[in-house]
Amino acid sequence: MHLKVYGIRNCDTVKKTLKFLDSHDLEYEFLDFKEEKPSVEKIRRWANAVGVKKLFNTRSTTYRNLGLKQLQLNDEQKIEYMAKEPLLIKRAVVESDTNVVVGYDEAALHNLIGG
């Protein structure tokens, strides 16, 4: 199974997710949002898997600083904003060949790795 983990290194949720994967001796590729922005297509795929509401981080500093609450964005606009500003994406995003887990969800991660 090939796992990709998306996020930023100094995020506590990302650290917990990586620690979980390490503790289960799983190999993964880490992609930092600050170094490489995910494409609109990739974000759309994640949104289709987990829902835009779960993926779009309304509690982030970026969300508040951009004043997005007042804009009342639709799902497609949220996806476009996430592509421009990846820090709007709830972290971590763990992607396998067949599934996506967003945030630190131990049960979902166990499910993802088949354990």
PDB file of N, CA and C in Angstrom:
ATOM      1  N   MET A   1       0.849  -1.174   0.000  1.00  0.00           N
ATOM      2  CA  MET A   1       0.000   0.000   0.000  1.00  0.00           C
ATOM      3  C   MET A   1       0.899   1.243   0.000  1.00  0.00           C
ATOM      4  N   HIS A   2       0.580   2.168  -0.876  1.00  0.00           N
ATOM      5  CA  HIS A   2       1.352   3.412  -0.946  1.00  0.00           C
ATOM      6  C   HIS A   2       0.573   4.524  -0.256  1.00  0.00           C
ATOM      7  N   LEU A   3       1.167   5.102   0.790  1.00  0.00           N
ATOM      8  CA  LEU A   3       0.519   6.182   1.526  1.00  0.00           C
ATOM      9  C   LEU A   3       1.217   7.502   1.256  1.00  0.00           C
ATOM     10  N   LYS A   4       0.400   8.539   1.111  1.00  0.00           N
ATOM     11  CA  LYS A   4       0.916   9.895   1.025  1.00  0.00           C
ATOM     12  C   LYS A   4       0.271  10.691   2.142  1.00  0.00           C
ATOM     13  N   VAL A   5       1.080  11.467   2.849  1.00  0.00           N
ATOM     14  CA  VAL A   5       0.585  12.304   3.937  1.00  0.00           C
ATOM     15  C   VAL A   5       0.849  13.754   3.536  1.00  0.00           C
ATOM     16  N   TYR A   6      -0.206  14.555   3.567  1.00  0.00           N
ATOM     17  CA  TYR A   6      -0.112  15.967   3.211  1.00  0.00           C
ATOM     18  C   TYR A   6      -0.350  16.807   4.455  1.00  0.00           C
ATOM     19  N   GLY A   7       0.417  17.897   4.573  1.00  0.00           N
ATOM     20  CA  GLY A   7       0.241  18.791   5.706  1.00  0.00           C
ATOM     21  C   GLY A   7       1.426  19.725   5.830  1.00  0.00           C
ATOM     22  N   ILE A   8       1.661  20.208   7.051  1.00  0.00           N
ATOM     23  CA  ILE A   8       2.857  20.988   7.331  1.00  0.00           C
ATOM     24  C   ILE A   8       3.545  20.373   8.541  1.00  0.00           C
ATOM     25  N   ARG A   9       4.859  20.382   8.504  1.00  0.00           N
ATOM     26  CA  ARG A   9       5.659  19.657   9.508  1.00  0.00           C
ATOM     27  C   ARG A   9       5.402  20.087  10.943  1.00  0.00           C
ATOM     28  N   ASN A  10       5.157  21.379  11.179  1.00  0.00           N
ATOM     29  CA  ASN A  10       5.035  21.841  12.561  1.00  0.00           C
ATOM     30  C   ASN A  10       3.615  21.750  13.114  1.00  0.00           C
ATOM     31  N   CYS A  11       2.701  21.146  12.369  1.00  0.00           N
ATOM     32  CA  CYS A  11       1.311  20.985  12.813  1.00  0.00           C
ATOM     33  C   CYS A  11       1.219  19.789  13.773  1.00  0.00           C
ATOM     34  N   ASP A  12       0.630  20.003  14.944  1.00  0.00           N
ATOM     35  CA  ASP A  12       0.506  18.931  15.941  1.00  0.00           C
ATOM     36  C   ASP A  12      -0.288  17.740  15.417  1.00  0.00           C
ATOM     37  N   THR A  13      -1.336  18.005  14.654  1.00  0.00           N
ATOM     38  CA  THR A  13      -2.158  16.912  14.117  1.00  0.00           C
ATOM     39  C   THR A  13      -1.352  16.084  13.113  1.00  0.00           C
ATOM     40  N   VAL A  14      -0.549  16.751  12.315  1.00  0.00           N
ATOM     41  CA  VAL A  14       0.317  16.043  11.363  1.00  0.00           C
ATOM     42  C   VAL A  14       1.335  15.200  12.132  1.00  0.00           C
ATOM     43  N   LYS A  15       1.927  15.773  13.170  1.00  0.00           N
ATOM     44  CA  LYS A  15       2.903  15.034  13.977  1.00  0.00           C
ATOM     45  C   LYS A  15       2.289  13.772  14.577  1.00  0.00           C
ATOM     46  N   LYS A  16       1.057  13.893  15.105  1.00  0.00           N
ATOM     47  CA  LYS A  16       0.373  12.724  15.687  1.00  0.00           C
ATOM     48  C   LYS A  16       0.111  11.666  14.622  1.00  0.00           C
ATOM     49  N   THR A  17      -0.282  12.118  13.431  1.00  0.00           N
ATOM     50  CA  THR A  17      -0.562  11.187  12.339  1.00  0.00           C
ATOM     51  C   THR A  17       0.708  10.446  11.926  1.00  0.00           C
ATOM     52  N   LEU A  18       1.806  11.180  11.776  1.00  0.00           N
ATOM     53  CA  LEU A  18       3.071  10.555  11.383  1.00  0.00           C
ATOM     54  C   LEU A  18       3.555   9.588  12.462  1.00  0.00           C
ATOM     55  N   LYS A  19       3.365   9.964  13.721  1.00  0.00           N
ATOM     56  CA  LYS A  19       3.752   9.089  14.833  1.00  0.00           C
ATOM     57  C   LYS A  19       2.943   7.791  14.784  1.00  0.00           C
ATOM     58  N   PHE A  20       1.652   7.911  14.497  1.00  0.00           N
ATOM     59  CA  PHE A  20       0.793   6.727  14.373  1.00  0.00           C
ATOM     60  C   PHE A  20       1.315   5.811  13.263  1.00  0.00           C
ATOM     61  N   LEU A  21       1.599   6.387  12.089  1.00  0.00           N
ATOM     62  CA  LEU A  21       2.072   5.586  10.955  1.00  0.00           C
ATOM     63  C   LEU A  21       3.427   4.950  11.272  1.00  0.00           C
ATOM     64  N   ASP A  22       4.315   5.718  11.910  1.00  0.00           N
ATOM     65  CA  ASP A  22       5.628   5.178  12.298  1.00  0.00           C
ATOM     66  C   ASP A  22       5.474   4.020  13.289  1.00  0.00           C
ATOM     67  N   SER A  23       4.554   4.162  14.239  1.00  0.00           N
ATOM     68  CA  SER A  23       4.372   3.123  15.257  1.00  0.00           C
ATOM     69  C   SER A  23       3.829   1.823  14.661  1.00  0.00           C
ATOM     70  N   HIS A  24       3.246   1.926  13.460  1.00  0.00           N
ATOM     71  CA  HIS A  24       2.752   0.727  12.768  1.00  0.00           C
ATOM     72  C   HIS A  24       3.695   0.310  11.638  1.00  0.00           C
ATOM     73  N   ASP A  25       4.928   0.846  11.672  1.00  0.00           N
ATOM     74  CA  ASP A  25       5.966   0.513  10.683  1.00  0.00           C
ATOM     75  C   ASP A  25       5.487   0.659   9.246  1.00  0.00           C
ATOM     76  N   LEU A  26       4.756   1.737   8.993  1.00  0.00           N
ATOM     77  CA  LEU A  26       4.248   1.973   7.639  1.00  0.00           C
ATOM     78  C   LEU A  26       5.119   2.991   6.919  1.00  0.00           C
ATOM     79  N   GLU A  27       5.374   2.700   5.657  1.00  0.00           N
ATOM     80  CA  GLU A  27       6.114   3.653   4.841  1.00  0.00           C
ATOM     81  C   GLU A  27       5.129   4.631   4.238  1.00  0.00           C
ATOM     82  N   TYR A  28       5.555   5.866   4.135  1.00  0.00           N
ATOM     83  CA  TYR A  28       4.703   6.900   3.556  1.00  0.00           C
ATOM     84  C   TYR A  28       5.572   7.982   2.947  1.00  0.00           C
ATOM     85  N   GLU A  29       4.972   8.745   2.094  1.00  0.00           N
ATOM     86  CA  GLU A  29       5.629   9.898   1.502  1.00  0.00           C
ATOM     87  C   GLU A  29       4.972  11.138   2.104  1.00  0.00           C
ATOM     88  N   PHE A  30       5.776  12.054   2.635  1.00  0.00           N
ATOM     89  CA  PHE A  30       5.238  13.272   3.229  1.00  0.00           C
ATOM     90  C   PHE A  30       5.371  14.418   2.239  1.00  0.00           C
ATOM     91  N   LEU A  31       4.268  15.128   2.011  1.00  0.00           N
ATOM     92  CA  LEU A  31       4.280  16.281   1.118  1.00  0.00           C
ATOM     93  C   LEU A  31       3.834  17.509   1.897  1.00  0.00           C
ATOM     94  N   ASP A  32       4.701  18.501   1.943  1.00  0.00           N
ATOM     95  CA  ASP A  32       4.460  19.701   2.725  1.00  0.00           C
ATOM     96  C   ASP A  32       3.701  20.726   1.886  1.00  0.00           C
ATOM     97  N   PHE A  33       2.559  21.175   2.417  1.00  0.00           N
ATOM     98  CA  PHE A  33       1.746  22.177   1.714  1.00  0.00           C
ATOM     99  C   PHE A  33       2.532  23.447   1.416  1.00  0.00           C
ATOM    100  N   LYS A  34       3.517  23.760   2.270  1.00  0.00           N
ATOM    101  CA  LYS A  34       4.283  24.991   2.074  1.00  0.00           C
ATOM    102  C   LYS A  34       5.264  24.873   0.911  1.00  0.00           C
ATOM    103  N   GLU A  35       5.613  23.636   0.561  1.00  0.00           N
ATOM    104  CA  GLU A  35       6.562  23.405  -0.529  1.00  0.00           C
ATOM    105  C   GLU A  35       5.865  23.079  -1.839  1.00  0.00           C
ATOM    106  N   GLU A  36       4.717  22.425  -1.745  1.00  0.00           N
ATOM    107  CA  GLU A  36       4.016  21.989  -2.954  1.00  0.00           C
ATOM    108  C   GLU A  36       2.509  22.072  -2.727  1.00  0.00           C
ATOM    109  N   LYS A  37       1.866  22.940  -3.487  1.00  0.00           N
ATOM    110  CA  LYS A  37       0.415  23.089  -3.349  1.00  0.00           C
ATOM    111  C   LYS A  37      -0.285  21.963  -4.108  1.00  0.00           C
ATOM    112  N   PRO A  38      -1.282  21.328  -3.491  1.00  0.00           N
ATOM    113  CA  PRO A  38      -2.038  20.298  -4.207  1.00  0.00           C
ATOM    114  C   PRO A  38      -2.892  20.948  -5.298  1.00  0.00           C
ATOM    115  N   SER A  39      -3.114  20.212  -6.367  1.00  0.00           N
ATOM    116  CA  SER A  39      -3.900  20.727  -7.493  1.00  0.00           C
ATOM    117  C   SER A  39      -5.387  20.776  -7.142  1.00  0.00           C
ATOM    118  N   VAL A  40      -6.128  21.555  -7.904  1.00  0.00           N
ATOM    119  CA  VAL A  40      -7.588  21.620  -7.744  1.00  0.00           C
ATOM    120  C   VAL A  40      -8.169  20.219  -7.909  1.00  0.00           C
ATOM    121  N   GLU A  41      -7.640  19.459  -8.869  1.00  0.00           N
ATOM    122  CA  GLU A  41      -8.157  18.101  -9.125  1.00  0.00           C
ATOM    123  C   GLU A  41      -7.954  17.210  -7.905  1.00  0.00           C
ATOM    124  N   LYS A  42      -6.765  17.297  -7.307  1.00  0.00           N
ATOM    125  CA  LYS A  42      -6.491  16.462  -6.124  1.00  0.00           C
ATOM    126  C   LYS A  42      -7.409  16.864  -4.977  1.00  0.00           C
ATOM    127  N   ILE A  43      -7.581  18.156  -4.738  1.00  0.00           N
ATOM    128  CA  ILE A  43      -8.457  18.623  -3.656  1.00  0.00           C
ATOM    129  C   ILE A  43      -9.895  18.196  -3.930  1.00  0.00           C
ATOM    130  N   ARG A  44     -10.312  18.264  -5.186  1.00  0.00           N
ATOM    131  CA  ARG A  44     -11.663  17.834  -5.549  1.00  0.00           C
ATOM    132  C   ARG A  44     -11.844  16.341  -5.247  1.00  0.00           C
ATOM    133  N   ARG A  45     -10.806  15.539  -5.518  1.00  0.00           N
ATOM    134  CA  ARG A  45     -10.859  14.095  -5.237  1.00  0.00           C
ATOM    135  C   ARG A  45     -11.011  13.862  -3.732  1.00  0.00           C
ATOM    136  N   TRP A  46     -10.231  14.609  -2.932  1.00  0.00           N
ATOM    137  CA  TRP A  46     -10.346  14.485  -1.472  1.00  0.00           C
ATOM    138  C   TRP A  46     -11.740  14.899  -1.022  1.00  0.00           C
ATOM    139  N   ALA A  47     -12.237  15.998  -1.577  1.00  0.00           N
ATOM    140  CA  ALA A  47     -13.559  16.506  -1.196  1.00  0.00           C
ATOM    141  C   ALA A  47     -14.646  15.490  -1.552  1.00  0.00           C
ATOM    142  N   ASN A  48     -14.492  14.831  -2.692  1.00  0.00           N
ATOM    143  CA  ASN A  48     -15.458  13.799  -3.086  1.00  0.00           C
ATOM    144  C   ASN A  48     -15.415  12.620  -2.121  1.00  0.00           C
ATOM    145  N   ALA A  49     -14.232  12.337  -1.576  1.00  0.00           N
ATOM    146  CA  ALA A  49     -14.080  11.199  -0.670  1.00  0.00           C
ATOM    147  C   ALA A  49     -14.607  11.499   0.737  1.00  0.00           C
ATOM    148  N   VAL A  50     -14.348  12.707   1.242  1.00  0.00           N
ATOM    149  CA  VAL A  50     -14.686  12.991   2.645  1.00  0.00           C
ATOM    150  C   VAL A  50     -15.691  14.127   2.825  1.00  0.00           C
ATOM    151  N   GLY A  51     -15.948  14.872   1.748  1.00  0.00           N
ATOM    152  CA  GLY A  51     -16.849  16.016   1.834  1.00  0.00           C
ATOM    153  C   GLY A  51     -16.072  17.315   2.036  1.00  0.00           C
ATOM    154  N   VAL A  52     -16.525  18.358   1.390  1.00  0.00           N
ATOM    155  CA  VAL A  52     -15.860  19.664   1.492  1.00  0.00           C
ATOM    156  C   VAL A  52     -15.886  20.164   2.928  1.00  0.00           C
ATOM    157  N   LYS A  53     -17.001  19.946   3.608  1.00  0.00           N
ATOM    158  CA  LYS A  53     -17.147  20.451   4.982  1.00  0.00           C
ATOM    159  C   LYS A  53     -16.044  19.917   5.895  1.00  0.00           C
ATOM    160  N   LYS A  54     -15.699  18.639   5.736  1.00  0.00           N
ATOM    161  CA  LYS A  54     -14.660  18.037   6.576  1.00  0.00           C
ATOM    162  C   LYS A  54     -13.263  18.515   6.171  1.00  0.00           C
ATOM    163  N   LEU A  55     -13.077  18.792   4.891  1.00  0.00           N
ATOM    164  CA  LEU A  55     -11.768  19.151   4.356  1.00  0.00           C
ATOM    165  C   LEU A  55     -11.423  20.624   4.572  1.00  0.00           C
ATOM    166  N   PHE A  56     -12.415  21.491   4.525  1.00  0.00           N
ATOM    167  CA  PHE A  56     -12.214  22.945   4.584  1.00  0.00           C
ATOM    168  C   PHE A  56     -12.115  23.404   6.033  1.00  0.00           C
ATOM    169  N   ASN A  57     -10.961  23.943   6.408  1.00  0.00           N
ATOM    170  CA  ASN A  57     -10.692  24.284   7.804  1.00  0.00           C
ATOM    171  C   ASN A  57     -11.170  25.695   8.138  1.00  0.00           C
ATOM    172  N   THR A  58     -12.368  25.784   8.702  1.00  0.00           N
ATOM    173  CA  THR A  58     -12.939  27.084   9.070  1.00  0.00           C
ATOM    174  C   THR A  58     -12.371  27.603  10.384  1.00  0.00           C
ATOM    175  N   ARG A  59     -11.546  26.800  11.053  1.00  0.00           N
ATOM    176  CA  ARG A  59     -10.948  27.240  12.318  1.00  0.00           C
ATOM    177  C   ARG A  59      -9.515  27.733  12.138  1.00  0.00           C
ATOM    178  N   SER A  60      -9.041  27.776  10.896  1.00  0.00           N
ATOM    179  CA  SER A  60      -7.652  28.177  10.660  1.00  0.00           C
ATOM    180  C   SER A  60      -7.485  29.693  10.713  1.00  0.00           C
ATOM    181  N   THR A  61      -6.284  30.101  11.029  1.00  0.00           N
ATOM    182  CA  THR A  61      -5.938  31.520  11.024  1.00  0.00           C
ATOM    183  C   THR A  61      -6.107  32.081   9.610  1.00  0.00           C
ATOM    184  N   THR A  62      -5.730  31.308   8.615  1.00  0.00           N
ATOM    185  CA  THR A  62      -5.847  31.747   7.220  1.00  0.00           C
ATOM    186  C   THR A  62      -7.300  32.061   6.882  1.00  0.00           C
ATOM    187  N   TYR A  63      -8.215  31.212   7.322  1.00  0.00           N
ATOM    188  CA  TYR A  63      -9.650  31.427   7.078  1.00  0.00           C
ATOM    189  C   TYR A  63     -10.096  32.761   7.681  1.00  0.00           C
ATOM    190  N   ARG A  64      -9.692  32.995   8.918  1.00  0.00           N
ATOM    191  CA  ARG A  64     -10.077  34.252   9.590  1.00  0.00           C
ATOM    192  C   ARG A  64      -9.416  35.455   8.917  1.00  0.00           C
ATOM    193  N   ASN A  65      -8.124  35.346   8.610  1.00  0.00           N
ATOM    194  CA  ASN A  65      -7.395  36.471   8.023  1.00  0.00           C
ATOM    195  C   ASN A  65      -7.936  36.862   6.651  1.00  0.00           C
ATOM    196  N   LEU A  66      -8.411  35.882   5.896  1.00  0.00           N
ATOM    197  CA  LEU A  66      -8.954  36.168   4.560  1.00  0.00           C
ATOM    198  C   LEU A  66     -10.412  36.637   4.612  1.00  0.00           C
ATOM    199  N   GLY A  67     -11.030  36.562   5.795  1.00  0.00           N
ATOM    200  CA  GLY A  67     -12.421  36.996   5.942  1.00  0.00           C
ATOM    201  C   GLY A  67     -13.394  36.153   5.124  1.00  0.00           C
ATOM    202  N   LEU A  68     -13.124  34.852   5.041  1.00  0.00           N
ATOM    203  CA  LEU A  68     -13.932  33.988   4.174  1.00  0.00           C
ATOM    204  C   LEU A  68     -15.332  33.727   4.707  1.00  0.00           C
ATOM    205  N   LYS A  69     -15.532  33.858   6.004  1.00  0.00           N
ATOM    206  CA  LYS A  69     -16.859  33.598   6.577  1.00  0.00           C
ATOM    207  C   LYS A  69     -17.908  34.519   5.939  1.00  0.00           C
ATOM    208  N   GLN A  70     -17.531  35.770   5.744  1.00  0.00           N
ATOM    209  CA  GLN A  70     -18.463  36.745   5.185  1.00  0.00           C
ATOM    210  C   GLN A  70     -18.803  36.455   3.711  1.00  0.00           C
ATOM    211  N   LEU A  71     -17.944  35.719   3.021  1.00  0.00           N
ATOM    212  CA  LEU A  71     -18.157  35.473   1.591  1.00  0.00           C
ATOM    213  C   LEU A  71     -19.196  34.394   1.308  1.00  0.00           C
ATOM    214  N   GLN A  72     -19.503  33.563   2.305  1.00  0.00           N
ATOM    215  CA  GLN A  72     -20.467  32.467   2.133  1.00  0.00           C
ATOM    216  C   GLN A  72     -20.186  31.683   0.844  1.00  0.00           C
ATOM    217  N   LEU A  73     -19.008  31.091   0.801  1.00  0.00           N
ATOM    218  CA  LEU A  73     -18.538  30.368  -0.376  1.00  0.00           C
ATOM    219  C   LEU A  73     -19.325  29.085  -0.603  1.00  0.00           C
ATOM    220  N   ASN A  74     -19.517  28.739  -1.883  1.00  0.00           N
ATOM    221  CA  ASN A  74     -20.079  27.418  -2.189  1.00  0.00           C
ATOM    222  C   ASN A  74     -18.931  26.404  -2.221  1.00  0.00           C
ATOM    223  N   ASP A  75     -19.243  25.125  -2.368  1.00  0.00           N
ATOM    224  CA  ASP A  75     -18.220  24.082  -2.292  1.00  0.00           C
ATOM    225  C   ASP A  75     -17.133  24.257  -3.348  1.00  0.00           C
ATOM    226  N   GLU A  76     -17.502  24.609  -4.560  1.00  0.00           N
ATOM    227  CA  GLU A  76     -16.516  24.768  -5.628  1.00  0.00           C
ATOM    228  C   GLU A  76     -15.573  25.939  -5.314  1.00  0.00           C
ATOM    229  N   GLN A  77     -16.113  27.020  -4.785  1.00  0.00           N
ATOM    230  CA  GLN A  77     -15.274  28.163  -4.406  1.00  0.00           C
ATOM    231  C   GLN A  77     -14.329  27.784  -3.265  1.00  0.00           C
ATOM    232  N   LYS A  78     -14.810  26.977  -2.331  1.00  0.00           N
ATOM    233  CA  LYS A  78     -13.951  26.519  -1.233  1.00  0.00           C
ATOM    234  C   LYS A  78     -12.792  25.690  -1.777  1.00  0.00           C
ATOM    235  N   ILE A  79     -13.083  24.816  -2.735  1.00  0.00           N
ATOM    236  CA  ILE A  79     -12.039  23.981  -3.350  1.00  0.00           C
ATOM    237  C   ILE A  79     -10.996  24.872  -4.028  1.00  0.00           C
ATOM    238  N   GLU A  80     -11.451  25.899  -4.748  1.00  0.00           N
ATOM    239  CA  GLU A  80     -10.524  26.807  -5.423  1.00  0.00           C
ATOM    240  C   GLU A  80      -9.678  27.577  -4.408  1.00  0.00           C
ATOM    241  N   TYR A  81     -10.284  27.996  -3.304  1.00  0.00           N
ATOM    242  CA  TYR A  81      -9.525  28.689  -2.260  1.00  0.00           C
ATOM    243  C   TYR A  81      -8.489  27.758  -1.636  1.00  0.00           C
ATOM    244  N   MET A  82      -8.852  26.493  -1.407  1.00  0.00           N
ATOM    245  CA  MET A  82      -7.909  25.538  -0.824  1.00  0.00           C
ATOM    246  C   MET A  82      -6.710  25.313  -1.745  1.00  0.00           C
ATOM    247  N   ALA A  83      -6.942  25.355  -3.059  1.00  0.00           N
ATOM    248  CA  ALA A  83      -5.845  25.179  -4.008  1.00  0.00           C
ATOM    249  C   ALA A  83      -4.895  26.382  -3.955  1.00  0.00           C
ATOM    250  N   LYS A  84      -5.450  27.570  -3.773  1.00  0.00           N
ATOM    251  CA  LYS A  84      -4.621  28.782  -3.691  1.00  0.00           C
ATOM    252  C   LYS A  84      -3.942  28.908  -2.328  1.00  0.00           C
ATOM    253  N   GLU A  85      -4.652  28.512  -1.281  1.00  0.00           N
ATOM    254  CA  GLU A  85      -4.189  28.652   0.104  1.00  0.00           C
ATOM    255  C   GLU A  85      -4.297  27.297   0.811  1.00  0.00           C
ATOM    256  N   PRO A  86      -3.313  26.412   0.611  1.00  0.00           N
ATOM    257  CA  PRO A  86      -3.406  25.054   1.182  1.00  0.00           C
ATOM    258  C   PRO A  86      -3.552  25.013   2.705  1.00  0.00           C
ATOM    259  N   LEU A  87      -3.220  26.107   3.396  1.00  0.00           N
ATOM    260  CA  LEU A  87      -3.381  26.088   4.851  1.00  0.00           C
ATOM    261  C   LEU A  87      -4.855  26.131   5.241  1.00  0.00           C
ATOM    262  N   LEU A  88      -5.742  26.270   4.255  1.00  0.00           N
ATOM    263  CA  LEU A  88      -7.184  26.159   4.504  1.00  0.00           C
ATOM    264  C   LEU A  88      -7.641  24.703   4.553  1.00  0.00           C
ATOM    265  N   ILE A  89      -6.740  23.783   4.207  1.00  0.00           N
ATOM    266  CA  ILE A  89      -7.077  22.359   4.204  1.00  0.00           C
ATOM    267  C   ILE A  89      -6.824  21.799   5.604  1.00  0.00           C
ATOM    268  N   LYS A  90      -7.826  21.111   6.132  1.00  0.00           N
ATOM    269  CA  LYS A  90      -7.679  20.484   7.450  1.00  0.00           C
ATOM    270  C   LYS A  90      -6.582  19.424   7.351  1.00  0.00           C
ATOM    271  N   ARG A  91      -5.731  19.390   8.361  1.00  0.00           N
ATOM    272  CA  ARG A  91      -4.577  18.488   8.313  1.00  0.00           C
ATOM    273  C   ARG A  91      -4.713  17.399   9.374  1.00  0.00           C
ATOM    274  N   ALA A  92      -4.079  16.332   9.161  1.00  0.00           N
ATOM    275  CA  ALA A  92      -3.326  15.885   8.002  1.00  0.00           C
ATOM    276  C   ALA A  92      -4.294  15.241   7.006  1.00  0.00           C
ATOM    277  N   VAL A  93      -3.871  15.180   5.748  1.00  0.00           N
ATOM    278  CA  VAL A  93      -4.613  14.408   4.754  1.00  0.00           C
ATOM    279  C   VAL A  93      -3.764  13.184   4.456  1.00  0.00           C
ATOM    280  N   VAL A  94      -4.327  12.004   4.711  1.00  0.00           N
ATOM    281  CA  VAL A  94      -3.625  10.749   4.423  1.00  0.00           C
ATOM    282  C   VAL A  94      -4.355  10.088   3.271  1.00  0.00           C
ATOM    283  N   GLU A  95      -3.592   9.816   2.228  1.00  0.00           N
ATOM    284  CA  GLU A  95      -4.180   9.272   1.003  1.00  0.00           C
ATOM    285  C   GLU A  95      -3.556   7.909   0.717  1.00  0.00           C
ATOM    286  N   SER A  96      -4.415   6.920   0.525  1.00  0.00           N
ATOM    287  CA  SER A  96      -3.947   5.607   0.074  1.00  0.00           C
ATOM    288  C   SER A  96      -4.402   5.457  -1.375  1.00  0.00           C
ATOM    289  N   ASP A  97      -4.189   4.279  -1.926  1.00  0.00           N
ATOM    290  CA  ASP A  97      -4.622   4.049  -3.314  1.00  0.00           C
ATOM    291  C   ASP A  97      -6.137   4.114  -3.447  1.00  0.00           C
ATOM    292  N   THR A  98      -6.849   3.839  -2.350  1.00  0.00           N
ATOM    293  CA  THR A  98      -8.310   3.728  -2.439  1.00  0.00           C
ATOM    294  C   THR A  98      -9.086   4.619  -1.483  1.00  0.00           C
ATOM    295  N   ASN A  99      -8.399   5.291  -0.550  1.00  0.00           N
ATOM    296  CA  ASN A  99      -9.129   6.000   0.488  1.00  0.00           C
ATOM    297  C   ASN A  99      -8.418   7.272   0.925  1.00  0.00           C
ATOM    298  N   VAL A 100      -9.142   8.111   1.652  1.00  0.00           N
ATOM    299  CA  VAL A 100      -8.604   9.363   2.170  1.00  0.00           C
ATOM    300  C   VAL A 100      -9.071   9.530   3.619  1.00  0.00           C
ATOM    301  N   VAL A 101      -8.141   9.927   4.502  1.00  0.00           N
ATOM    302  CA  VAL A 101      -8.470  10.248   5.890  1.00  0.00           C
ATOM    303  C   VAL A 101      -8.013  11.682   6.139  1.00  0.00           C
ATOM    304  N   VAL A 102      -8.890  12.478   6.741  1.00  0.00           N
ATOM    305  CA  VAL A 102      -8.571  13.875   7.031  1.00  0.00           C
ATOM    306  C   VAL A 102      -8.585  14.096   8.536  1.00  0.00           C
ATOM    307  N   GLY A 103      -7.554  14.802   9.034  1.00  0.00           N
ATOM    308  CA  GLY A 103      -7.434  15.031  10.467  1.00  0.00           C
ATOM    309  C   GLY A 103      -6.827  13.813  11.129  1.00  0.00           C
ATOM    310  N   TYR A 104      -6.694  13.861  12.443  1.00  0.00           N
ATOM    311  CA  TYR A 104      -6.183  12.699  13.165  1.00  0.00           C
ATOM    312  C   TYR A 104      -7.378  11.911  13.674  1.00  0.00           C
ATOM    313  N   ASP A 105      -7.642  10.795  13.008  1.00  0.00           N
ATOM    314  CA  ASP A 105      -8.771   9.938  13.350  1.00  0.00           C
ATOM    315  C   ASP A 105      -8.223   8.515  13.433  1.00  0.00           C
ATOM    316  N   GLU A 106      -7.922   8.099  14.661  1.00  0.00           N
ATOM    317  CA  GLU A 106      -7.248   6.813  14.847  1.00  0.00           C
ATOM    318  C   GLU A 106      -8.044   5.645  14.269  1.00  0.00           C
ATOM    319  N   ALA A 107      -9.353   5.637  14.471  1.00  0.00           N
ATOM    320  CA  ALA A 107     -10.186   4.559  13.941  1.00  0.00           C
ATOM    321  C   ALA A 107     -10.125   4.521  12.412  1.00  0.00           C
ATOM    322  N   ALA A 108     -10.221   5.697  11.800  1.00  0.00           N
ATOM    323  CA  ALA A 108     -10.166   5.774  10.330  1.00  0.00           C
ATOM    324  C   ALA A 108      -8.789   5.362   9.819  1.00  0.00           C
ATOM    325  N   LEU A 109      -7.736   5.719  10.551  1.00  0.00           N
ATOM    326  CA  LEU A 109      -6.386   5.325  10.138  1.00  0.00           C
ATOM    327  C   LEU A 109      -6.215   3.809  10.253  1.00  0.00           C
ATOM    328  N   HIS A 110      -6.734   3.209  11.335  1.00  0.00           N
ATOM    329  CA  HIS A 110      -6.685   1.743  11.466  1.00  0.00           C
ATOM    330  C   HIS A 110      -7.430   1.102  10.293  1.00  0.00           C
ATOM    331  N   ASN A 111      -8.563   1.644   9.959  1.00  0.00           N
ATOM    332  CA  ASN A 111      -9.354   1.159   8.831  1.00  0.00           C
ATOM    333  C   ASN A 111      -8.564   1.264   7.530  1.00  0.00           C
ATOM    334  N   LEU A 112      -7.911   2.397   7.347  1.00  0.00           N
ATOM    335  CA  LEU A 112      -7.142   2.662   6.140  1.00  0.00           C
ATOM    336  C   LEU A 112      -6.023   1.642   5.955  1.00  0.00           C
ATOM    337  N   ILE A 113      -5.343   1.306   7.066  1.00  0.00           N
ATOM    338  CA  ILE A 113      -4.208   0.384   6.963  1.00  0.00           C
ATOM    339  C   ILE A 113      -4.621  -1.072   7.134  1.00  0.00           C
ATOM    340  N   GLY A 114      -5.923  -1.289   7.296  1.00  0.00           N
ATOM    341  CA  GLY A 114      -6.422  -2.657   7.394  1.00  0.00           C
ATOM    342  C   GLY A 114      -6.125  -3.316   8.725  1.00  0.00           C
ATOM    343  N   GLY A 115      -6.134  -2.513   9.803  1.00  0.00           N
ATOM    344  CA  GLY A 115      -5.807  -3.090  11.104  1.00  0.00           C
ATOM    345  C   GLY A 115      -6.803  -2.791  12.102  1.00  0.00           C
TER     346      GLY A 115
END
